[in-house]
Protein backbone atom coordinates (compact mmCIF):
# COMPACT_ATOMS: atom_id res chain seq x y z
CA SER A 1 31.99 -188.77 24.37
CA LYS A 2 29.29 -186.27 25.25
CA GLY A 3 26.24 -186.10 22.97
CA ASN A 4 26.73 -189.56 21.51
CA VAL A 5 24.99 -192.76 22.46
CA ILE A 6 27.52 -195.57 22.92
CA THR A 7 26.19 -199.11 22.71
CA ASP A 8 29.58 -200.80 22.49
CA GLU A 9 31.14 -202.48 25.52
CA CYS A 10 34.27 -200.50 26.32
CA THR A 11 37.05 -201.66 28.63
CA GLY A 12 39.63 -199.23 29.90
CA VAL A 13 41.06 -197.20 32.77
CA LEU A 14 39.50 -194.09 34.27
CA LEU A 15 41.52 -191.05 33.21
CA ALA A 16 41.02 -189.56 36.68
CA ASP A 17 42.70 -192.62 38.22
CA ILE A 18 45.68 -192.29 35.88
CA LEU A 19 46.05 -188.60 36.70
CA ALA A 20 45.68 -189.24 40.45
CA SER A 21 48.46 -191.83 40.37
CA LEU A 22 50.66 -189.15 38.87
CA GLY A 23 49.78 -186.57 41.52
CA VAL A 24 47.19 -184.62 39.50
CA THR A 25 44.30 -184.32 41.96
CA ASN A 26 43.19 -180.68 42.08
CA PRO A 27 39.62 -180.63 40.62
CA ALA A 28 40.11 -177.04 39.42
CA TRP A 29 42.98 -177.90 37.12
CA THR A 30 42.34 -177.58 33.41
CA ILE A 31 42.73 -180.69 31.31
CA GLU A 32 43.33 -180.40 27.57
CA LEU A 33 42.60 -183.59 25.64
CA LEU A 34 43.94 -184.00 22.12
CA THR A 35 43.32 -186.86 19.75
CA THR A 36 45.78 -187.91 17.06
CA ASP A 37 43.82 -190.72 15.41
CA GLY A 38 41.95 -188.62 12.86
CA TYR A 39 38.79 -188.21 14.98
CA GLU A 40 36.79 -185.12 14.01
CA HIS A 41 37.11 -183.50 17.45
CA GLU A 42 40.81 -182.93 17.89
CA THR A 43 40.83 -180.98 21.17
CA TYR A 44 38.78 -180.95 24.37
CA ILE A 45 39.35 -178.52 27.23
CA VAL A 46 37.72 -179.51 30.52
CA ASP A 47 38.51 -179.23 34.21
CA LEU A 48 39.50 -182.23 36.26
CA GLN A 49 36.18 -182.20 38.14
CA GLN A 50 34.35 -182.89 34.89
CA VAL A 51 36.78 -185.68 34.06
CA ILE A 52 35.92 -187.21 37.44
CA ASP A 53 32.15 -186.64 37.25
CA ASP A 54 31.73 -187.89 33.68
CA ALA A 55 34.08 -190.89 34.21
CA TYR A 56 36.30 -190.21 31.22
CA LEU A 57 37.68 -193.55 30.13
CA VAL A 58 40.97 -194.40 28.41
CA THR A 59 39.69 -197.31 26.35
CA TYR A 60 41.90 -200.16 25.25
CA GLU A 61 39.25 -202.73 24.26
CA VAL A 62 35.92 -202.41 22.47
CA ASN A 63 33.59 -205.43 22.50
CA GLY A 64 36.49 -207.60 23.61
CA SER A 65 38.81 -206.54 20.78
CA PRO A 66 41.85 -204.31 21.27
CA VAL A 67 41.56 -200.76 20.03
CA ASP A 68 45.05 -201.11 18.58
CA PRO A 69 46.85 -204.45 18.16
CA GLU A 70 50.08 -202.73 19.20
CA GLY A 71 48.55 -201.29 22.37
CA VAL A 72 47.16 -197.96 23.47
CA GLU A 73 49.60 -195.07 23.59
CA LEU A 74 48.86 -192.17 25.90
CA LEU A 75 50.86 -188.95 26.03
CA LEU A 76 50.50 -186.78 29.15
CA PHE A 77 51.92 -183.26 29.36
CA ARG A 78 51.96 -181.10 32.48
CA HIS A 79 52.76 -177.40 32.11
CA HIS A 80 54.06 -175.41 35.08
CA ASP A 81 54.03 -171.74 35.96
CA ASP A 82 57.82 -171.61 35.65
CA GLY A 83 57.55 -172.61 31.99
CA SER A 84 58.79 -176.15 32.47
CA THR A 85 56.97 -179.09 30.96
CA TRP A 86 56.71 -182.62 32.31
CA PHE A 87 55.49 -185.33 30.04
CA ASN A 88 54.79 -189.02 30.23
CA LYS A 89 54.45 -191.58 27.45
CA VAL A 90 52.30 -194.51 28.45
CA LYS A 91 51.84 -197.64 26.37
CA GLY A 92 49.95 -200.74 27.41
CA PHE A 93 49.06 -204.09 25.89
CA GLY A 94 45.68 -205.31 27.08
CA GLY A 95 45.60 -202.33 29.42
CA VAL A 96 47.09 -198.93 30.13
CA ALA A 97 50.29 -198.85 32.15
CA VAL A 98 50.93 -195.89 34.45
CA THR A 99 54.40 -194.56 35.19
CA ARG A 100 55.82 -191.32 36.54
CA PHE A 101 56.04 -188.00 34.82
CA VAL A 102 59.19 -187.23 32.87
CA GLN A 103 60.56 -183.71 32.92
CA GLU A 104 62.08 -182.33 29.76
CA ILE A 105 65.39 -180.57 30.35
CA GLU A 106 65.10 -176.95 29.29
CA LEU A 107 68.22 -176.04 27.33
CA PRO A 108 69.60 -172.51 26.84
CA PRO A 109 70.97 -171.45 23.46
CA PRO A 110 73.91 -173.67 22.50
CA GLY A 111 77.46 -172.63 23.26
CA THR A 112 80.52 -173.81 21.38
CA ALA A 113 82.73 -176.87 21.61
CA ASP A 114 85.34 -174.78 23.44
CA LYS A 115 82.82 -172.98 25.66
CA PRO A 116 79.69 -175.14 25.99
CA ALA A 117 76.48 -173.82 27.53
CA GLN A 118 76.23 -174.87 31.19
CA VAL A 119 73.12 -176.57 32.60
CA VAL A 120 72.85 -177.51 36.29
CA ILE A 121 69.89 -179.50 37.62
CA GLU A 122 69.27 -180.56 41.21
CA VAL A 123 67.00 -183.59 41.18
CA GLY A 124 64.04 -183.41 43.53
CA GLU A 125 60.41 -184.49 43.26
CA VAL A 126 60.70 -185.53 39.62
CA THR A 127 63.44 -188.08 38.98
CA ASP A 128 62.91 -189.00 35.33
CA PHE A 129 64.20 -186.63 32.67
CA TYR A 130 64.16 -186.33 28.90
CA LEU A 131 66.90 -184.68 26.84
CA ASP A 132 65.86 -183.51 23.38
CA LEU A 133 69.19 -182.73 21.78
CA LEU A 134 70.47 -183.03 18.22
CA ALA A 135 73.65 -185.04 17.83
CA LEU A 136 75.25 -182.06 16.04
CA ASP A 137 74.78 -179.94 19.18
CA ALA A 138 76.00 -182.54 21.68
CA ASP A 139 79.41 -180.92 22.13
CA LYS A 140 77.81 -177.50 22.72
CA TYR A 141 76.33 -178.35 26.13
CA ALA A 142 77.69 -179.42 29.51
CA ILE A 143 75.01 -180.78 31.83
CA LYS A 144 75.51 -181.48 35.55
CA MET A 145 72.81 -183.32 37.48
CA ILE A 146 73.00 -183.38 41.29
CA VAL A 147 71.16 -186.07 43.25
CA PRO A 148 70.81 -185.46 47.03
CA ILE A 149 70.78 -188.33 49.50
CA GLY A 150 67.44 -190.10 49.81
CA VAL A 151 66.20 -189.28 46.29
CA ALA A 152 65.06 -192.23 44.18
CA THR A 153 67.44 -193.29 41.42
CA PRO A 154 66.94 -190.87 38.50
CA THR A 155 66.89 -191.70 34.80
CA LEU A 156 67.69 -189.72 31.67
CA LYS A 157 65.85 -190.50 28.44
CA LEU A 158 67.91 -189.93 25.30
CA ASP A 159 66.88 -189.83 21.67
CA THR A 160 68.18 -192.94 19.91
CA MET A 161 68.48 -194.27 16.39
CA GLU A 162 68.99 -197.77 15.06
CA ALA A 163 72.59 -198.58 14.20
CA GLY A 164 74.43 -201.85 13.69
CA GLY A 165 71.71 -204.01 15.13
CA GLY A 166 71.43 -201.87 18.28
CA GLN A 167 70.39 -198.43 19.49
CA LEU A 168 72.71 -195.41 19.29
CA ALA A 169 72.69 -192.08 21.11
CA VAL A 170 75.10 -189.13 21.30
CA LEU A 171 75.69 -187.43 24.64
CA PRO A 172 76.69 -183.93 25.69
CA ALA A 173 79.29 -183.50 28.42
CA LEU A 174 77.43 -185.13 31.29
CA THR A 175 78.26 -185.16 35.00
CA LEU A 176 76.17 -187.18 37.45
CA GLU A 177 76.79 -186.36 41.12
CA CYS A 178 74.93 -188.89 43.25
CA HIS A 179 75.03 -188.91 47.05
CA LEU A 180 74.68 -192.54 48.09
CA PRO A 181 74.73 -194.14 51.58
CA ILE A 182 77.98 -196.08 51.28
CA GLY A 183 78.85 -197.70 54.58
CA GLY A 184 75.88 -195.92 56.16
CA THR A 185 77.34 -192.48 55.37
CA PRO A 186 76.28 -190.22 52.47
CA GLN A 187 79.16 -190.18 50.01
CA LEU A 188 79.55 -188.70 46.55
CA VAL A 189 79.68 -191.10 43.60
CA ARG A 190 80.48 -189.18 40.45
CA VAL A 191 80.24 -190.16 36.79
CA ASP A 192 81.79 -187.97 34.07
CA ILE A 193 81.11 -188.59 30.39
CA PRO A 194 82.88 -186.40 27.80
CA ALA A 195 81.02 -184.36 25.20
CA GLY A 196 80.12 -186.04 21.93
CA THR A 197 80.36 -189.57 23.34
CA THR A 198 78.54 -192.12 21.21
CA VAL A 199 76.62 -194.70 23.22
CA ILE A 200 75.54 -198.01 21.70
CA GLY A 201 73.07 -200.24 23.50
CA PRO A 202 71.30 -203.49 22.65
CA VAL A 203 68.35 -203.53 20.29
CA ASP A 204 65.89 -203.39 23.21
CA TRP A 205 67.51 -200.34 24.83
CA ASP A 206 64.89 -197.58 25.03
CA GLY A 207 67.44 -194.80 25.40
CA VAL A 208 67.00 -194.55 29.18
CA LEU A 209 70.26 -194.02 31.05
CA SER A 210 69.99 -194.93 34.75
CA PHE A 211 72.04 -192.94 37.26
CA PRO A 212 74.37 -194.75 39.71
CA GLU A 213 72.37 -196.91 42.10
CA LEU A 214 73.72 -198.61 45.22
CA LYS A 215 72.81 -202.30 45.40
CA GLU A 216 72.87 -204.47 48.51
CA THR A 217 74.49 -207.46 46.80
CA PRO A 218 76.02 -208.17 43.37
CA SER A 219 73.91 -210.01 40.82
CA VAL A 220 76.45 -212.86 40.72
CA ALA A 221 78.78 -214.31 43.34
CA VAL A 222 82.12 -212.58 43.92
CA ASP A 223 85.07 -214.40 45.53
CA GLY A 224 85.77 -212.00 48.36
CA THR A 225 84.19 -209.61 50.84
CA VAL A 226 82.03 -207.15 48.91
CA SER A 227 82.26 -203.46 49.88
CA THR A 228 80.07 -201.66 47.33
CA VAL A 229 77.89 -202.59 44.37
CA ILE A 230 77.03 -199.75 41.98
CA GLU A 231 74.90 -200.23 38.89
CA VAL A 232 74.83 -197.53 36.23
CA GLY A 233 73.64 -197.39 32.63
CA PHE A 234 71.08 -199.96 31.53
CA ALA A 235 69.83 -202.70 33.83
CA GLY A 236 68.89 -204.88 30.89
CA GLY A 237 72.36 -205.02 29.36
CA GLU A 238 75.62 -203.24 28.69
CA LEU A 239 76.12 -199.80 27.14
CA LEU A 240 79.29 -199.31 25.07
CA PHE A 241 81.03 -195.92 24.73
CA ASP A 242 83.50 -194.72 22.12
CA GLN A 243 85.16 -192.51 24.77
CA ALA A 244 86.10 -193.39 28.32
CA ALA A 245 83.75 -192.50 31.16
CA ARG A 246 85.12 -191.78 34.63
CA ILE A 247 83.48 -193.28 37.72
CA LEU A 248 84.69 -192.11 41.14
CA ILE A 249 83.89 -194.52 43.99
CA PRO A 250 84.69 -192.82 47.30
CA GLY A 251 86.73 -194.43 50.05
CA GLN A 252 87.55 -197.59 48.09
CA ALA A 253 91.29 -197.15 47.51
CA GLY A 254 93.10 -200.39 48.25
CA LYS A 255 90.11 -202.51 47.29
CA SER A 256 89.83 -204.74 44.25
CA VAL A 257 87.21 -203.85 41.67
CA GLY A 258 85.44 -205.68 38.88
CA PHE A 259 82.30 -205.61 36.78
CA ILE A 260 79.43 -207.92 35.94
CA SER A 261 78.25 -208.41 32.38
CA GLY A 262 76.23 -211.22 30.87
CA GLY A 263 76.05 -212.98 34.21
CA LEU A 264 79.85 -213.15 34.57
CA PHE A 265 82.13 -211.33 36.99
CA THR A 266 85.44 -209.97 35.68
CA GLU A 267 88.13 -208.36 37.81
CA ILE A 268 89.59 -205.10 36.53
CA THR A 269 93.34 -205.65 36.50
CA ARG A 270 94.54 -202.85 34.20
CA VAL A 271 96.19 -200.17 36.38
CA LEU A 272 96.37 -196.73 34.79
CA ALA A 273 99.27 -194.34 35.32
CA LYS A 274 97.20 -191.16 34.94
CA ASP A 275 93.76 -189.96 35.96
CA ASP A 276 93.25 -188.19 32.66
CA GLN A 277 90.64 -188.26 29.87
CA GLU A 278 93.02 -188.29 26.90
CA TYR A 279 95.23 -190.89 28.53
CA ALA A 280 92.26 -193.16 29.29
CA ASP A 281 90.85 -192.78 25.77
CA GLU A 282 94.20 -193.82 24.34
CA LYS A 283 95.02 -196.70 26.71
CA LEU A 284 91.64 -198.38 26.91
CA PRO A 285 90.64 -200.67 24.03
CA PRO A 286 87.02 -200.68 22.78
CA GLY A 287 84.85 -201.93 25.62
CA GLY A 288 87.86 -201.85 27.96
CA GLU A 289 88.36 -200.54 31.48
CA GLY A 290 91.11 -199.61 33.94
CA LYS A 291 91.55 -198.33 37.48
CA ILE A 292 93.61 -195.86 39.46
CA GLU A 293 93.65 -194.77 43.10
CA VAL A 294 93.21 -191.06 43.81
CA GLY A 295 93.80 -190.35 47.48
CA SER A 296 91.38 -192.51 49.44
CA ASP A 297 89.12 -192.98 46.41
CA LEU A 298 89.05 -195.51 43.61
CA VAL A 299 88.53 -194.28 40.04
CA VAL A 300 87.39 -196.57 37.24
CA TRP A 301 87.84 -195.43 33.65
CA THR A 302 85.60 -197.48 31.40
CA LYS A 303 84.22 -197.66 27.88
CA HIS A 304 81.14 -199.54 29.03
CA LEU A 305 78.54 -199.05 31.76
CA THR A 306 77.17 -201.94 33.77
CA GLU A 307 77.37 -203.21 37.37
CA PHE A 308 80.62 -202.47 39.25
CA VAL A 309 81.76 -204.15 42.48
CA THR A 310 84.52 -203.24 44.93
CA TYR A 311 85.67 -205.97 47.26
CA THR A 312 88.47 -207.43 49.35
CA VAL A 313 90.01 -210.58 47.92
CA ALA A 314 89.36 -213.66 50.02
CA ALA A 315 92.45 -214.59 52.06
CA SER A 316 94.19 -217.77 50.89
CA LYS A 317 94.11 -220.66 53.38
CA PRO A 318 97.46 -221.23 55.19
CA ASP A 319 99.17 -224.60 55.00
CA PRO A 320 97.84 -226.92 57.73
CA LYS A 321 100.06 -227.23 60.82
CA PRO A 322 100.52 -230.57 62.63
CA GLY A 323 97.97 -230.85 65.42
CA GLU A 324 97.69 -233.15 68.36
CA ASP A 325 96.10 -235.84 66.22
CA GLU A 326 98.50 -235.28 63.36
CA LYS A 327 102.04 -236.50 63.04
CA PRO A 328 104.52 -234.85 60.75
CA ALA A 329 105.18 -236.92 57.71
CA LYS A 330 108.45 -238.73 57.66
CA PRO A 331 110.85 -237.21 55.19
CA ALA A 332 110.97 -239.29 52.07
CA LEU A 333 114.25 -240.91 51.23
CA PRO A 334 115.76 -239.89 47.97
CA GLN A 335 114.99 -242.39 45.28
CA THR A 336 118.45 -242.28 43.68
CA ARG A 337 121.91 -241.30 44.69
CA GLY A 338 125.00 -241.36 42.54
CA GLY A 339 122.88 -242.70 39.67
CA LEU A 340 121.92 -245.93 41.55
CA PRO A 341 118.71 -246.59 43.42
CA VAL A 342 119.18 -246.07 47.17
CA ALA A 343 117.74 -249.51 47.96
CA MET A 344 120.40 -251.17 45.80
CA GLN A 345 123.17 -249.13 47.47
CA LEU A 346 121.97 -250.19 50.94
CA LEU A 347 121.80 -253.83 49.90
CA ALA A 348 125.35 -253.68 48.48
CA ALA A 349 126.62 -252.09 51.69
CA LEU A 350 125.09 -254.83 53.81
CA MET A 351 126.63 -257.50 51.58
CA LEU A 352 130.07 -255.92 51.89
CA LEU A 353 129.77 -255.74 55.66
CA ALA A 354 128.73 -259.40 55.84
CA ALA A 355 131.60 -260.43 53.57
CA GLY A 356 134.08 -258.47 55.65
CA ALA A 357 132.83 -260.07 58.88
CA TYR A 358 133.15 -263.56 57.33
CA CYS A 359 136.75 -262.91 56.19
CA CYS A 360 137.76 -261.71 59.65
CA ARG A 361 136.31 -264.86 61.23
CA CYS A 362 138.19 -267.11 58.76
CA ARG A 363 141.51 -265.40 59.54
CA ARG A 364 141.02 -265.79 63.28
CA GLU A 365 140.19 -269.51 62.98
CA THR A 366 143.21 -270.15 60.76
CA ALA A 367 145.52 -268.41 63.11
């Protein structure tokens, strides 16, 4: 810090390098630095050029010892002329990790459960979002997020709380419209989650919900010809819902579908009679799933998010036909007939024939 003589050996990452990796490179930009560790100077306002010239350092070790045993936490906020705010929370152990900015979703005043406030976001440069929403207001918003073709897979960070040995979050009505290159052609994969849905993830779930992502191959082997692999939810495990979510997979009617969880593939065999939210909520057990064809599309209703696979079942091998080197097997003789073994019946017949021939010979000689 300016004005002080530092004799300690500090190890860290240049703040200018962190900002540059996040796209903050204009030397004229104003940088506001705030400390939250009780240091007497709580706020610094400088321009980026000074940060570069004076080699501001984000320190994580002093004289070989960590500044904080739990790691250094760095909060970055970026304010825009349109009033939006991007922020990034960085935490490193033995260093400072750098990730992308996260944009907070600006919410209008809440609506009602019957007429929720509508929010539409088209994902572009920033692909990571944060939703700061009270559980009590979850049914008062309907959020649609549109992802054009070619945009990196977005994420949505939710506020979570510990519950039942896992992490819990409550969602508004959420629609994810993702244009993915299925079969080399941009096609719309859509996920609909009803308002007020409670999501429960494993204890290590950080509240980040990943949008549908097209994978080249499934994470485990599938017995058949794979058509599409779509992962949605949490890559590190399974997310369970108390209401059914709807996943539309375009152009996959007539294909089989299954999911992968815990390293195991399970085919979805439950066929639903209706493509309807109330019907799916009623028919699906906790953690259950079902399918229905809608035109040329395949719809999966599910109370869990994970990796889903559409495929064509491997054709069963036909019975081998006799070839040139093969001879048809001789038909087996029946083992019994009329209650007696066939071999015994044949032997008895031969004996009778022999006896009859002997009698005829005796009669001829006598005559």
